[in-house]
Amino acid sequence: MKKNEKQLVAGVRGKKSARKKSKCKKDLKPKNKKPRLPELYPELDKEVSGILDNSISKMTGAKLNPEYKRKLYKSVAVLNDFVAKADPLCPRTSLKDFTLKYALAFQDYLVQVSSVTERRIKPRSLFSKHSDLKVLFNHALNRGVIDQNPFMDIKMPNIQKAQSVEHGYISESEIERITWIDTEKLKEMDIQEKYKFLLPRVMFKLCYETAARSCEIVRLCVEDIFIHRLRKDGLIPVTIIGAKMRPTGHSDTVWILYERIKPHIDIWLPVVKEYYRYKGIKQGSIEIPKRGKKGIPLFISPKSLKLLGQCEYRTIFRRFLKDSNMPKIYWHHTHIVRKSRIANWLKCGWNFQYFNQNARYKRYEQII
């Protein structure tokens, strides 16, 4: 076969193989691809972007996390798409155009009527979108862009009939299993690896022992754990500052058994000190929201080197439980840590006075 003929045959074979590859690629593509949401009008896009770029997180005291901003923006895009289809005459050039009428209609759209459960929530829709939009419109209200938040007073439908599985609580033995620290493994790690490995384990352990909420554990500082005030009964005080619905500077005291956190604290505090020095962070230089002054936080973000934000905390929480082979129902339920501590206090028969003081409920009826 001549040279030109060989090249021609090779070319034909190449085209055939290319056709086969293209067919394979087409077969691999998902058939039911979600339609892309229409873009916001320039005026609305500018308004929403400006609000997200300049808003401050209540949890961290810093600007909103980029990932969280994208999530909020997408929720606005979903609402905008719904209103565009429901009422084409709505201008949709400002958040002021999205009134209570549209907020109620949007909720009804996200709720499916079922003959079995009466009202059933679409997965990852109603509560997620409602929460995001409520937060965004709240930021807009604080900046004077709107006069009232249309999502503020909307009541969520009762889904107890639709949700047949209870979250329950995590047993003491499971808590010990997932927070156990392999000291031999630590010896092979550098400071950054140590910090990332220990962060979820120590944070989960302290969150459990203090029955802290997620917004409280991320603000916990080194100076809040009073080891030097160890009592004869083995309890030490831990100060919780800026708890739920408390004013700035308000503090609550939780009494916990020191021996239950000692192994974790003994390992963690030197690592935190070394990590701060490695990253060039001056101790006591980080502003702590609701504290009214700077402090030395026990947990900082490996990414931003600031307090952990809501999105990052949930991501760490979810990955940790997933890697620990915990049931999937717990992965997105951050409050399960506090709930488990309170349930196990009840099982252990703790003195009610200490129990109520540690649980820090506003009313006794909330414990029962």
Protein backbone atom coordinates (compact mmCIF):
# COMPACT_ATOMS: atom_id res chain seq x y z
CA MET A 1 0.00 0.00 0.00
CA LYS A 2 1.31 3.42 -0.96
CA LYS A 3 2.05 6.13 1.57
CA ASN A 4 -0.89 8.35 0.48
CA GLU A 5 -3.32 5.39 0.66
CA LYS A 6 -2.10 4.53 4.18
CA GLN A 7 -2.72 8.11 5.33
CA LEU A 8 -6.22 8.05 3.78
CA VAL A 9 -7.13 4.76 5.55
CA ALA A 10 -5.74 6.06 8.83
CA GLY A 11 -7.81 9.20 8.43
CA VAL A 12 -11.01 7.20 7.85
CA ARG A 13 -10.27 5.01 10.88
CA GLY A 14 -9.65 8.11 12.96
CA LYS A 15 -13.02 9.57 11.93
CA LYS A 16 -14.79 6.31 12.78
CA SER A 17 -13.19 6.13 16.24
CA ALA A 18 -14.02 9.80 16.81
CA ARG A 19 -17.66 9.08 15.92
CA LYS A 20 -17.71 6.18 18.38
CA LYS A 21 -16.24 8.37 21.14
CA SER A 22 -18.75 11.13 20.45
CA LYS A 23 -21.60 8.58 20.66
CA CYS A 24 -20.22 7.28 23.96
CA LYS A 25 -20.02 10.80 25.35
CA LYS A 26 -23.61 11.49 24.31
CA ASP A 27 -24.74 8.29 26.04
CA LEU A 28 -22.99 9.34 29.26
CA LYS A 29 -24.73 12.73 29.37
CA PRO A 30 -27.72 12.89 31.72
CA LYS A 31 -31.00 12.92 29.84
CA ASN A 32 -32.96 15.09 32.27
CA LYS A 33 -30.66 18.10 32.61
CA LYS A 34 -32.03 20.91 34.76
CA PRO A 35 -32.81 24.09 32.82
CA ARG A 36 -30.57 27.00 33.64
CA LEU A 37 -32.16 29.75 35.72
CA PRO A 38 -32.64 33.07 33.91
CA GLU A 39 -30.25 35.83 34.95
CA LEU A 40 -31.44 38.63 37.23
CA TYR A 41 -32.11 42.03 35.71
CA PRO A 42 -28.99 44.25 35.99
CA GLU A 43 -30.63 46.52 38.60
CA LEU A 44 -31.63 43.58 40.80
CA ASP A 45 -28.29 41.84 40.30
CA LYS A 46 -26.44 44.98 41.39
CA GLU A 47 -28.69 45.40 44.43
CA VAL A 48 -28.41 41.78 45.60
CA SER A 49 -24.64 41.60 44.96
CA GLY A 50 -24.13 44.83 46.89
CA ILE A 51 -26.08 43.51 49.87
CA LEU A 52 -24.15 40.20 49.90
CA ASP A 53 -20.75 41.88 49.50
CA ASN A 54 -21.31 44.31 52.38
CA SER A 55 -23.26 42.21 54.88
CA ILE A 56 -21.69 40.97 58.11
CA SER A 57 -22.21 37.48 59.54
CA LYS A 58 -23.63 37.38 63.07
CA MET A 59 -21.68 34.20 63.76
CA THR A 60 -18.20 35.34 62.72
CA GLY A 61 -18.44 39.14 62.72
CA ALA A 62 -16.80 39.05 59.26
CA LYS A 63 -18.13 39.35 55.72
CA LEU A 64 -20.20 36.48 54.36
CA ASN A 65 -18.44 33.36 53.10
CA PRO A 66 -18.23 33.25 49.25
CA GLU A 67 -19.88 29.81 49.21
CA TYR A 68 -22.74 31.07 51.39
CA LYS A 69 -23.14 34.16 49.21
CA ARG A 70 -23.54 31.97 46.12
CA LYS A 71 -26.16 29.91 47.95
CA LEU A 72 -28.17 33.01 48.90
CA TYR A 73 -27.86 34.43 45.39
CA LYS A 74 -29.13 31.18 43.88
CA SER A 75 -32.18 31.25 46.17
CA VAL A 76 -33.00 34.74 44.91
CA ALA A 77 -32.62 33.47 41.34
CA VAL A 78 -35.10 30.65 42.07
CA LEU A 79 -37.58 33.14 43.55
CA ASN A 80 -37.06 35.49 40.60
CA ASP A 81 -37.72 32.66 38.14
CA PHE A 82 -40.93 31.69 39.96
CA VAL A 83 -42.28 35.27 40.02
CA ALA A 84 -41.36 35.77 36.34
CA LYS A 85 -43.54 32.79 35.41
CA ALA A 86 -46.34 33.50 37.90
CA ASP A 87 -46.64 37.22 37.15
CA PRO A 88 -44.84 38.41 33.99
CA LEU A 89 -45.95 42.00 34.71
CA CYS A 90 -43.91 42.18 37.94
CA PRO A 91 -40.90 44.47 37.22
CA ARG A 92 -38.40 42.43 39.33
CA THR A 93 -35.81 45.22 39.32
CA SER A 94 -35.56 45.47 43.12
CA LEU A 95 -36.15 43.30 46.18
CA LYS A 96 -39.03 45.67 46.99
CA ASP A 97 -40.96 44.07 44.11
CA PHE A 98 -41.03 40.69 45.90
CA THR A 99 -43.93 41.30 48.26
CA LEU A 100 -45.68 39.08 50.80
CA LYS A 101 -48.08 37.91 48.07
CA TYR A 102 -45.22 36.40 46.09
CA ALA A 103 -43.54 34.96 49.22
CA LEU A 104 -46.72 33.08 50.16
CA ALA A 105 -47.26 31.88 46.59
CA PHE A 106 -43.63 30.73 46.43
CA GLN A 107 -44.06 28.64 49.58
CA ASP A 108 -47.23 27.05 48.22
CA TYR A 109 -45.38 26.24 45.01
CA LEU A 110 -42.68 24.38 46.93
CA VAL A 111 -45.17 22.31 48.91
CA GLN A 112 -46.72 19.25 47.28
CA VAL A 113 -50.16 18.07 48.35
CA SER A 114 -50.23 14.34 49.14
CA SER A 115 -53.27 12.18 49.80
CA VAL A 116 -51.30 10.22 52.39
CA THR A 117 -49.45 12.95 54.31
CA GLU A 118 -51.75 15.88 53.43
CA ARG A 119 -48.74 18.18 53.00
CA ARG A 120 -45.33 16.88 51.99
CA ILE A 121 -42.15 18.90 51.53
CA LYS A 122 -40.07 18.56 48.39
CA PRO A 123 -36.53 17.43 49.25
CA ARG A 124 -34.03 20.26 49.89
CA SER A 125 -36.55 22.88 48.81
CA LEU A 126 -38.91 24.61 51.17
CA PHE A 127 -36.94 25.02 54.38
CA SER A 128 -33.61 25.63 52.67
CA LYS A 129 -34.96 28.27 50.28
CA HIS A 130 -37.17 29.90 52.92
CA SER A 131 -34.23 30.17 55.33
CA ASP A 132 -31.91 31.63 52.67
CA LEU A 133 -34.46 34.19 51.50
CA LYS A 134 -35.34 35.16 55.05
CA VAL A 135 -31.65 35.83 55.77
CA LEU A 136 -31.09 37.78 52.55
CA PHE A 137 -34.17 39.97 52.96
CA ASN A 138 -33.14 40.56 56.57
CA HIS A 139 -29.77 41.90 55.38
CA ALA A 140 -31.64 44.08 52.88
CA LEU A 141 -33.90 45.35 55.69
CA ASN A 142 -30.90 46.23 57.87
CA ARG A 143 -29.36 48.19 54.99
CA GLY A 144 -32.60 50.10 54.36
CA VAL A 145 -33.17 48.61 50.89
CA ILE A 146 -36.65 47.31 51.86
CA ASP A 147 -39.19 48.35 54.49
CA GLN A 148 -40.21 44.87 55.66
CA ASN A 149 -39.12 41.25 55.26
CA PRO A 150 -41.91 39.32 53.44
CA PHE A 151 -40.50 35.98 54.64
CA MET A 152 -40.24 36.94 58.31
CA ASP A 153 -43.75 36.05 59.49
CA ILE A 154 -44.50 33.15 57.16
CA LYS A 155 -45.15 30.00 59.16
CA MET A 156 -43.72 26.74 57.89
CA PRO A 157 -46.22 23.90 57.34
CA ASN A 158 -46.26 21.04 59.83
CA ILE A 159 -44.33 18.13 58.31
CA GLN A 160 -44.38 15.75 61.29
CA LYS A 161 -46.74 13.45 59.41
CA ALA A 162 -44.41 13.37 56.43
CA GLN A 163 -41.22 12.85 58.44
CA SER A 164 -41.40 9.35 59.91
CA VAL A 165 -37.78 9.08 61.11
CA GLU A 166 -36.64 10.73 64.36
CA HIS A 167 -33.09 12.01 64.70
CA GLY A 168 -32.78 10.48 68.17
CA TYR A 169 -29.44 11.05 69.89
CA ILE A 170 -25.88 9.71 69.88
CA SER A 171 -24.85 7.38 72.72
CA GLU A 172 -21.85 7.99 75.00
CA SER A 173 -20.02 5.02 73.50
CA GLU A 174 -20.42 6.37 69.97
CA ILE A 175 -19.22 9.81 71.06
CA GLU A 176 -16.10 8.22 72.55
CA ARG A 177 -15.51 6.17 69.40
CA ILE A 178 -15.66 9.00 66.89
CA THR A 179 -13.71 11.53 69.00
CA TRP A 180 -10.91 9.10 69.92
CA ILE A 181 -7.47 10.43 68.93
CA ASP A 182 -4.81 8.13 67.49
CA THR A 183 -1.65 9.58 69.07
CA GLU A 184 0.62 7.29 67.07
CA LYS A 185 -0.81 8.65 63.84
CA LEU A 186 -0.21 12.21 65.04
CA LYS A 187 3.54 11.59 65.33
CA GLU A 188 3.79 11.19 61.55
CA MET A 189 2.01 14.49 60.76
CA ASP A 190 3.26 18.04 60.32
CA ILE A 191 1.55 20.93 62.14
CA GLN A 192 -1.00 21.63 59.39
CA GLU A 193 -2.00 17.97 59.13
CA LYS A 194 -2.28 17.73 62.91
CA TYR A 195 -4.53 20.78 63.07
CA LYS A 196 -6.92 19.54 60.35
CA PHE A 197 -7.00 16.03 61.83
CA LEU A 198 -7.68 17.18 65.40
CA LEU A 199 -10.03 20.10 64.65
CA PRO A 200 -13.29 18.12 64.12
CA ARG A 201 -12.53 15.65 66.92
CA VAL A 202 -11.74 18.22 69.61
CA MET A 203 -14.49 20.60 68.47
CA PHE A 204 -17.08 17.80 68.46
CA LYS A 205 -15.92 16.59 71.90
CA LEU A 206 -16.06 20.04 73.53
CA CYS A 207 -19.33 20.84 71.80
CA TYR A 208 -20.78 17.65 73.28
CA GLU A 209 -19.41 18.02 76.81
CA THR A 210 -20.58 21.64 77.12
CA ALA A 211 -23.89 21.06 75.28
CA ALA A 212 -22.99 24.08 73.15
CA ARG A 213 -24.87 25.29 70.14
CA SER A 214 -22.99 25.65 66.85
CA CYS A 215 -22.88 29.47 67.18
CA GLU A 216 -21.41 29.08 70.69
CA ILE A 217 -18.71 26.46 70.08
CA VAL A 218 -17.08 28.45 67.25
CA ARG A 219 -16.65 31.41 69.66
CA LEU A 220 -15.17 29.35 72.50
CA CYS A 221 -11.76 30.70 73.56
CA VAL A 222 -8.79 29.29 75.46
CA GLU A 223 -9.50 31.67 78.35
CA ASP A 224 -13.08 30.32 78.70
CA ILE A 225 -11.93 26.96 80.09
CA PHE A 226 -10.93 27.42 83.76
CA ILE A 227 -8.79 24.37 84.48
CA HIS A 228 -7.24 26.07 87.53
CA ARG A 229 -10.68 26.14 89.19
CA LEU A 230 -10.95 22.34 89.30
CA ARG A 231 -13.22 21.29 92.19
CA LYS A 232 -12.96 18.25 94.44
CA ASP A 233 -15.85 16.63 92.60
CA GLY A 234 -13.87 16.85 89.33
CA LEU A 235 -15.91 19.65 87.74
CA ILE A 236 -14.48 22.75 86.07
CA PRO A 237 -16.35 25.86 84.85
CA VAL A 238 -16.51 26.72 81.16
CA THR A 239 -17.81 30.14 80.13
CA ILE A 240 -20.20 30.37 77.19
CA ILE A 241 -20.33 33.93 75.84
CA GLY A 242 -22.79 35.24 73.28
CA ALA A 243 -25.25 32.40 73.56
CA LYS A 244 -28.56 32.24 71.71
CA MET A 245 -30.77 35.32 72.17
CA ARG A 246 -28.37 36.80 74.76
CA PRO A 247 -27.05 40.37 74.59
CA THR A 248 -23.41 41.15 73.77
CA GLY A 249 -21.15 40.42 76.73
CA HIS A 250 -23.64 38.10 78.46
CA SER A 251 -22.02 34.92 79.79
CA ASP A 252 -23.28 31.57 81.07
CA THR A 253 -21.27 29.07 83.08
CA VAL A 254 -21.32 25.36 82.34
CA TRP A 255 -19.81 22.83 84.77
CA ILE A 256 -18.26 19.76 83.14
CA LEU A 257 -16.11 16.83 84.26
CA TYR A 258 -12.50 17.77 83.56
CA GLU A 259 -11.35 14.17 83.09
CA ARG A 260 -13.69 13.85 80.09
CA ILE A 261 -11.96 16.62 78.14
CA LYS A 262 -8.43 16.43 79.61
CA PRO A 263 -6.93 14.04 76.97
CA HIS A 264 -8.23 16.25 74.14
CA ILE A 265 -7.25 19.57 75.76
CA ASP A 266 -3.74 18.33 76.64
CA ILE A 267 -3.14 17.47 72.97
CA TRP A 268 -5.03 20.37 71.39
CA LEU A 269 -3.71 23.44 73.26
CA PRO A 270 -0.02 22.92 72.26
CA VAL A 271 -1.10 22.26 68.66
CA VAL A 272 -3.18 25.47 68.58
CA LYS A 273 -0.27 27.48 69.98
CA GLU A 274 2.14 26.05 67.41
CA TYR A 275 -0.38 26.47 64.57
CA TYR A 276 -0.91 30.15 65.47
CA ARG A 277 2.85 30.70 65.44
CA TYR A 278 3.24 28.80 62.14
CA LYS A 279 0.54 30.92 60.47
CA GLY A 280 1.85 34.17 61.93
CA ILE A 281 -1.27 34.87 64.00
CA LYS A 282 -0.71 36.93 67.10
CA GLN A 283 -2.52 35.41 70.08
CA GLY A 284 -5.40 37.56 71.29
CA SER A 285 -5.64 39.46 67.99
CA ILE A 286 -8.91 37.94 66.72
CA GLU A 287 -12.15 39.80 67.37
CA ILE A 288 -14.84 37.58 68.91
CA PRO A 289 -18.44 38.59 68.08
CA LYS A 290 -20.71 39.20 71.11
CA ARG A 291 -17.69 39.09 73.43
CA GLY A 292 -16.99 42.80 73.19
CA LYS A 293 -13.23 42.21 73.02
CA LYS A 294 -10.54 40.13 71.32
CA GLY A 295 -9.54 36.65 72.41
CA ILE A 296 -7.75 33.41 71.57
CA PRO A 297 -10.32 31.19 69.84
CA LEU A 298 -9.87 27.46 70.25
CA PHE A 299 -10.98 26.83 66.67
CA ILE A 300 -10.15 28.90 63.60
CA SER A 301 -10.73 28.22 59.94
CA PRO A 302 -7.76 26.57 58.17
CA LYS A 303 -8.85 28.50 55.04
CA SER A 304 -9.48 32.06 56.25
CA LEU A 305 -7.57 31.89 59.58
CA LYS A 306 -10.59 33.56 61.19
CA LEU A 307 -13.53 32.22 63.18
CA LEU A 308 -15.34 29.34 61.54
CA GLY A 309 -18.37 30.47 59.55
CA GLN A 310 -21.70 28.70 59.45
CA CYS A 311 -21.12 27.00 56.07
CA GLU A 312 -17.61 25.81 56.94
CA TYR A 313 -18.70 24.53 60.35
CA ARG A 314 -21.47 22.48 58.75
CA THR A 315 -19.09 21.14 56.11
CA ILE A 316 -16.57 20.00 58.75
CA PHE A 317 -19.40 18.52 60.82
CA ARG A 318 -20.87 16.63 57.86
CA ARG A 319 -17.54 15.23 56.63
CA PHE A 320 -16.50 14.18 60.12
CA LEU A 321 -19.68 12.19 60.75
CA LYS A 322 -19.55 10.70 57.27
CA ASP A 323 -15.92 9.60 57.69
CA SER A 324 -16.80 8.21 61.13
CA ASN A 325 -19.45 5.94 59.56
CA MET A 326 -22.30 7.58 61.44
CA PRO A 327 -25.89 7.23 60.11
CA LYS A 328 -26.66 9.64 57.28
CA ILE A 329 -29.61 11.12 59.17
CA TYR A 330 -27.12 12.86 61.54
CA TRP A 331 -24.89 14.43 58.89
CA HIS A 332 -26.86 17.66 58.42
CA HIS A 333 -28.27 17.90 61.96
CA THR A 334 -25.63 19.93 63.86
CA HIS A 335 -27.93 20.34 66.88
CA ILE A 336 -27.71 16.59 67.47
CA VAL A 337 -24.53 17.11 69.54
CA ARG A 338 -26.28 19.34 72.09
CA LYS A 339 -29.37 17.14 72.02
CA SER A 340 -27.26 14.02 72.70
CA ARG A 341 -25.47 15.61 75.67
CA ILE A 342 -28.79 16.63 77.27
CA ALA A 343 -30.31 13.18 76.65
CA ASN A 344 -27.30 11.46 78.22
CA TRP A 345 -27.40 13.81 81.24
CA LEU A 346 -30.98 12.68 81.78
CA LYS A 347 -29.98 9.02 81.51
CA CYS A 348 -27.16 9.52 84.04
CA GLY A 349 -29.58 11.08 86.54
CA TRP A 350 -27.79 14.41 86.94
CA ASN A 351 -28.89 16.80 89.67
CA PHE A 352 -31.67 18.91 88.13
CA GLN A 353 -30.10 22.18 89.30
CA TYR A 354 -26.82 21.45 87.47
CA PHE A 355 -28.71 19.98 84.56
CA ASN A 356 -30.80 23.11 84.01
CA GLN A 357 -27.77 25.36 84.52
CA ASN A 358 -25.77 23.47 81.90
CA ALA A 359 -28.64 23.15 79.41
CA ARG A 360 -29.18 26.95 79.69
CA TYR A 361 -32.82 26.84 78.64
CA LYS A 362 -34.89 29.95 79.13
CA ARG A 363 -37.81 27.99 80.63
CA TYR A 364 -37.90 24.73 82.58
CA GLU A 365 -40.66 23.39 80.31
CA GLN A 366 -38.19 23.22 77.39
CA ILE A 367 -36.24 20.46 79.14
CA ILE A 368 -39.22 18.14 79.49
